[in-house]
Amino acid sequence: MEINGTPIANANQLRLLIGEMAPQGTVKMKVLRNGVPQNVSIKLGEFPSKQERASVDKKSEDSALEGVTVENVTAEVARELKISPATKGVVVEEVSPASRAAEAGLKPGDVIQEANHQAVKSVNDFRSAVNSKAKDDAVLLLVRRGDNTLFLTV
């Protein structure tokens, strides 16, 4: 609803205001949570670089993992997810609700540790494993969700 007392009209205005602020700074926000206005202080961080964040290539529009955005598991990400910093993989940042991945149960916060029986230690590993399959082939993912590990077929 507000950032540092400035009313926010839409998501674009929010993005622009935050983008102009210095990383590691703190902002005061007024948010609407469950219908109740709340004041919160937020510490800003830096957006991952293109090397640390990736979406499945748009050229493979029928890819099982189209609409999925992942980023490397860093020490900061591990701390946020309350997992060991030694955890290897990529964390799911976004899943399009209309995607095959969402239908299969993939969720933001899931850590993908393998794709098609190939270890995933970085965004590049993930890309390679996913792009090695034909666009209509299913992708088998080994996913860590909280304290559980499961396989998902997308």
C-alpha atoms as a PDB file:
ATOM      1  CA  MET A   1       0.000   0.000   0.000  1.00  0.00           C
ATOM      2  CA  GLU A   2       2.878   2.395   0.869  1.00  0.00           C
ATOM      3  CA  ILE A   3       6.665   2.593   0.830  1.00  0.00           C
ATOM      4  CA  ASN A   4       8.270   5.053   3.227  1.00  0.00           C
ATOM      5  CA  GLY A   5       4.932   6.905   3.370  1.00  0.00           C
ATOM      6  CA  THR A   6       4.480   7.096  -0.424  1.00  0.00           C
ATOM      7  CA  PRO A   7       1.209   5.497  -1.605  1.00  0.00           C
ATOM      8  CA  ILE A   8       1.656   2.780  -4.241  1.00  0.00           C
ATOM      9  CA  ALA A   9      -0.818   2.756  -7.142  1.00  0.00           C
ATOM     10  CA  ASN A  10       0.362  -0.423  -8.926  1.00  0.00           C
ATOM     11  CA  ALA A  11       3.054  -3.104  -9.155  1.00  0.00           C
ATOM     12  CA  ASN A  12       5.100  -1.115 -11.698  1.00  0.00           C
ATOM     13  CA  GLN A  13       5.357   1.853  -9.347  1.00  0.00           C
ATOM     14  CA  LEU A  14       6.412  -0.492  -6.531  1.00  0.00           C
ATOM     15  CA  ARG A  15       9.114  -2.082  -8.701  1.00  0.00           C
ATOM     16  CA  LEU A  16      10.438   1.293  -9.849  1.00  0.00           C
ATOM     17  CA  LEU A  17      10.602   2.751  -6.332  1.00  0.00           C
ATOM     18  CA  ILE A  18      12.371  -0.316  -4.931  1.00  0.00           C
ATOM     19  CA  GLY A  19      14.723  -0.402  -7.938  1.00  0.00           C
ATOM     20  CA  GLU A  20      15.886   3.144  -7.191  1.00  0.00           C
ATOM     21  CA  MET A  21      16.808   2.306  -3.597  1.00  0.00           C
ATOM     22  CA  ALA A  22      20.218   1.158  -2.422  1.00  0.00           C
ATOM     23  CA  PRO A  23      20.760  -2.547  -1.712  1.00  0.00           C
ATOM     24  CA  GLN A  24      21.101  -3.404   1.980  1.00  0.00           C
ATOM     25  CA  GLY A  25      18.954  -0.370   2.871  1.00  0.00           C
ATOM     26  CA  THR A  26      15.786  -0.633   4.928  1.00  0.00           C
ATOM     27  CA  VAL A  27      12.332   0.510   3.847  1.00  0.00           C
ATOM     28  CA  LYS A  28       9.129   0.886   5.796  1.00  0.00           C
ATOM     29  CA  MET A  29       6.145  -0.634   4.035  1.00  0.00           C
ATOM     30  CA  LYS A  30       2.453  -0.617   4.731  1.00  0.00           C
ATOM     31  CA  VAL A  31       1.003  -3.883   3.417  1.00  0.00           C
ATOM     32  CA  LEU A  32      -2.415  -5.483   3.386  1.00  0.00           C
ATOM     33  CA  ARG A  33      -2.226  -9.004   4.807  1.00  0.00           C
ATOM     34  CA  ASN A  34      -5.416 -11.044   5.219  1.00  0.00           C
ATOM     35  CA  GLY A  35      -7.420  -7.839   4.837  1.00  0.00           C
ATOM     36  CA  VAL A  36      -5.580  -6.081   7.678  1.00  0.00           C
ATOM     37  CA  PRO A  37      -3.136  -3.185   7.077  1.00  0.00           C
ATOM     38  CA  GLN A  38       0.261  -3.812   8.698  1.00  0.00           C
ATOM     39  CA  ASN A  39       3.472  -1.799   8.949  1.00  0.00           C
ATOM     40  CA  VAL A  40       6.681  -3.748   8.316  1.00  0.00           C
ATOM     41  CA  SER A  41      10.363  -2.916   7.875  1.00  0.00           C
ATOM     42  CA  ILE A  42      12.122  -4.678   5.018  1.00  0.00           C
ATOM     43  CA  LYS A  43      15.864  -4.990   4.411  1.00  0.00           C
ATOM     44  CA  LEU A  44      16.623  -4.804   0.700  1.00  0.00           C
ATOM     45  CA  GLY A  45      19.013  -7.141  -1.076  1.00  0.00           C
ATOM     46  CA  GLU A  46      20.471  -7.413  -4.557  1.00  0.00           C
ATOM     47  CA  PHE A  47      18.643  -9.149  -7.369  1.00  0.00           C
ATOM     48  CA  PRO A  48      20.593 -12.207  -8.615  1.00  0.00           C
ATOM     49  CA  SER A  49      22.601 -11.704 -11.782  1.00  0.00           C
ATOM     50  CA  LYS A  50      21.606 -13.410 -15.026  1.00  0.00           C
ATOM     51  CA  GLN A  51      24.161 -16.133 -14.280  1.00  0.00           C
ATOM     52  CA  GLU A  52      22.498 -16.924 -10.974  1.00  0.00           C
ATOM     53  CA  ARG A  53      18.888 -16.866 -12.162  1.00  0.00           C
ATOM     54  CA  ALA A  54      17.241 -18.415 -15.190  1.00  0.00           C
ATOM     55  CA  SER A  55      13.940 -19.358 -16.722  1.00  0.00           C
ATOM     56  CA  VAL A  56      13.475 -22.304 -19.020  1.00  0.00           C
ATOM     57  CA  ASP A  57      14.123 -21.141 -22.594  1.00  0.00           C
ATOM     58  CA  LYS A  58      11.041 -19.731 -24.302  1.00  0.00           C
ATOM     59  CA  LYS A  59      12.080 -21.333 -27.602  1.00  0.00           C
ATOM     60  CA  SER A  60      10.871 -24.678 -26.248  1.00  0.00           C
ATOM     61  CA  GLU A  61       7.330 -23.484 -25.665  1.00  0.00           C
ATOM     62  CA  ASP A  62       6.006 -26.972 -24.970  1.00  0.00           C
ATOM     63  CA  SER A  63       8.803 -27.764 -22.524  1.00  0.00           C
ATOM     64  CA  ALA A  64       7.622 -29.494 -19.359  1.00  0.00           C
ATOM     65  CA  LEU A  65       9.357 -26.794 -17.337  1.00  0.00           C
ATOM     66  CA  GLU A  66       8.201 -23.716 -19.214  1.00  0.00           C
ATOM     67  CA  GLY A  67       7.099 -21.117 -16.701  1.00  0.00           C
ATOM     68  CA  VAL A  68       9.619 -22.176 -14.044  1.00  0.00           C
ATOM     69  CA  THR A  69      12.252 -19.743 -12.765  1.00  0.00           C
ATOM     70  CA  VAL A  70      15.133 -21.013 -10.634  1.00  0.00           C
ATOM     71  CA  GLU A  71      18.177 -19.549  -8.930  1.00  0.00           C
ATOM     72  CA  ASN A  72      21.310 -21.027  -7.391  1.00  0.00           C
ATOM     73  CA  VAL A  73      21.183 -22.094  -3.756  1.00  0.00           C
ATOM     74  CA  THR A  74      23.466 -19.578  -2.061  1.00  0.00           C
ATOM     75  CA  ALA A  75      24.240 -19.232   1.649  1.00  0.00           C
ATOM     76  CA  GLU A  76      21.619 -16.461   1.871  1.00  0.00           C
ATOM     77  CA  VAL A  77      18.978 -18.560   0.073  1.00  0.00           C
ATOM     78  CA  ALA A  78      19.787 -21.573   2.301  1.00  0.00           C
ATOM     79  CA  ARG A  79      19.346 -19.395   5.390  1.00  0.00           C
ATOM     80  CA  GLU A  80      15.965 -18.113   4.121  1.00  0.00           C
ATOM     81  CA  LEU A  81      14.802 -21.673   3.395  1.00  0.00           C
ATOM     82  CA  LYS A  82      16.228 -22.932   6.716  1.00  0.00           C
ATOM     83  CA  ILE A  83      18.295 -25.625   4.999  1.00  0.00           C
ATOM     84  CA  SER A  84      21.959 -26.561   5.288  1.00  0.00           C
ATOM     85  CA  PRO A  85      24.297 -24.196   3.400  1.00  0.00           C
ATOM     86  CA  ALA A  86      25.929 -27.354   2.012  1.00  0.00           C
ATOM     87  CA  THR A  87      22.721 -28.192   0.086  1.00  0.00           C
ATOM     88  CA  LYS A  88      23.373 -28.375  -3.643  1.00  0.00           C
ATOM     89  CA  GLY A  89      20.788 -27.552  -6.262  1.00  0.00           C
ATOM     90  CA  VAL A  90      18.632 -24.744  -7.563  1.00  0.00           C
ATOM     91  CA  VAL A  91      15.702 -23.224  -5.736  1.00  0.00           C
ATOM     92  CA  VAL A  92      12.412 -22.700  -7.551  1.00  0.00           C
ATOM     93  CA  GLU A  93      11.651 -19.001  -7.438  1.00  0.00           C
ATOM     94  CA  GLU A  94       8.487 -18.901  -9.563  1.00  0.00           C
ATOM     95  CA  VAL A  95       6.095 -21.415 -11.104  1.00  0.00           C
ATOM     96  CA  SER A  96       3.452 -20.221 -13.526  1.00  0.00           C
ATOM     97  CA  PRO A  97       0.081 -21.442 -12.202  1.00  0.00           C
ATOM     98  CA  ALA A  98      -0.942 -22.558 -15.716  1.00  0.00           C
ATOM     99  CA  SER A  99       2.229 -24.612 -16.299  1.00  0.00           C
ATOM    100  CA  ARG A 100       2.733 -28.364 -16.417  1.00  0.00           C
ATOM    101  CA  ALA A 101       5.184 -27.947 -13.525  1.00  0.00           C
ATOM    102  CA  ALA A 102       2.452 -26.433 -11.331  1.00  0.00           C
ATOM    103  CA  GLU A 103       0.110 -29.291 -12.269  1.00  0.00           C
ATOM    104  CA  ALA A 104       2.826 -31.761 -11.202  1.00  0.00           C
ATOM    105  CA  GLY A 105       3.108 -30.030  -7.828  1.00  0.00           C
ATOM    106  CA  LEU A 106       6.345 -28.033  -8.173  1.00  0.00           C
ATOM    107  CA  LYS A 107       6.254 -25.030  -5.827  1.00  0.00           C
ATOM    108  CA  PRO A 108       8.336 -21.938  -5.101  1.00  0.00           C
ATOM    109  CA  GLY A 109      10.887 -22.785  -2.416  1.00  0.00           C
ATOM    110  CA  ASP A 110      11.419 -26.337  -3.697  1.00  0.00           C
ATOM    111  CA  VAL A 111      15.085 -27.214  -4.192  1.00  0.00           C
ATOM    112  CA  ILE A 112      15.740 -29.216  -7.366  1.00  0.00           C
ATOM    113  CA  GLN A 113      18.712 -31.509  -6.721  1.00  0.00           C
ATOM    114  CA  GLU A 114      18.485 -33.707  -9.836  1.00  0.00           C
ATOM    115  CA  ALA A 115      16.852 -33.438 -13.243  1.00  0.00           C
ATOM    116  CA  ASN A 116      16.604 -36.597 -15.352  1.00  0.00           C
ATOM    117  CA  HIS A 117      19.041 -38.391 -13.001  1.00  0.00           C
ATOM    118  CA  GLN A 118      21.675 -35.671 -13.524  1.00  0.00           C
ATOM    119  CA  ALA A 119      22.953 -33.840 -10.443  1.00  0.00           C
ATOM    120  CA  VAL A 120      21.932 -30.190 -10.420  1.00  0.00           C
ATOM    121  CA  LYS A 121      24.412 -27.949  -8.624  1.00  0.00           C
ATOM    122  CA  SER A 122      23.794 -24.729 -10.546  1.00  0.00           C
ATOM    123  CA  VAL A 123      21.423 -22.993 -12.921  1.00  0.00           C
ATOM    124  CA  ASN A 124      23.644 -24.101 -15.822  1.00  0.00           C
ATOM    125  CA  ASP A 125      23.367 -27.770 -14.734  1.00  0.00           C
ATOM    126  CA  PHE A 126      19.597 -27.382 -14.553  1.00  0.00           C
ATOM    127  CA  ARG A 127      19.429 -25.808 -18.019  1.00  0.00           C
ATOM    128  CA  SER A 128      21.580 -28.550 -19.525  1.00  0.00           C
ATOM    129  CA  ALA A 129      19.526 -31.358 -18.000  1.00  0.00           C
ATOM    130  CA  VAL A 130      16.187 -29.837 -19.045  1.00  0.00           C
ATOM    131  CA  ASN A 131      17.280 -28.835 -22.549  1.00  0.00           C
ATOM    132  CA  SER A 132      18.738 -32.301 -23.243  1.00  0.00           C
ATOM    133  CA  LYS A 133      15.199 -33.719 -23.474  1.00  0.00           C
ATOM    134  CA  ALA A 134      12.833 -33.404 -26.427  1.00  0.00           C
ATOM    135  CA  LYS A 135      10.212 -30.728 -25.802  1.00  0.00           C
ATOM    136  CA  ASP A 136       7.361 -33.209 -25.223  1.00  0.00           C
ATOM    137  CA  ASP A 137       9.355 -35.600 -23.014  1.00  0.00           C
ATOM    138  CA  ALA A 138       8.659 -35.708 -19.302  1.00  0.00           C
ATOM    139  CA  VAL A 139      11.332 -34.447 -16.927  1.00  0.00           C
ATOM    140  CA  LEU A 140      12.013 -36.365 -13.705  1.00  0.00           C
ATOM    141  CA  LEU A 141      12.988 -34.089 -10.819  1.00  0.00           C
ATOM    142  CA  LEU A 142      14.444 -34.980  -7.425  1.00  0.00           C
ATOM    143  CA  VAL A 143      13.089 -32.232  -5.192  1.00  0.00           C
ATOM    144  CA  ARG A 144      13.778 -31.310  -1.608  1.00  0.00           C
ATOM    145  CA  ARG A 145      10.783 -29.682   0.075  1.00  0.00           C
ATOM    146  CA  GLY A 146      11.457 -28.769   3.681  1.00  0.00           C
ATOM    147  CA  ASP A 147      12.733 -31.917   5.391  1.00  0.00           C
ATOM    148  CA  ASN A 148      11.328 -34.226   2.692  1.00  0.00           C
ATOM    149  CA  THR A 149      12.746 -35.436  -0.603  1.00  0.00           C
ATOM    150  CA  LEU A 150      10.423 -36.478  -3.414  1.00  0.00           C
ATOM    151  CA  PHE A 151      10.355 -37.217  -7.126  1.00  0.00           C
ATOM    152  CA  LEU A 152       8.121 -35.203  -9.439  1.00  0.00           C
ATOM    153  CA  THR A 153       7.468 -36.019 -13.077  1.00  0.00           C
ATOM    154  CA  VAL A 154       6.734 -32.940 -15.143  1.00  0.00           C
END
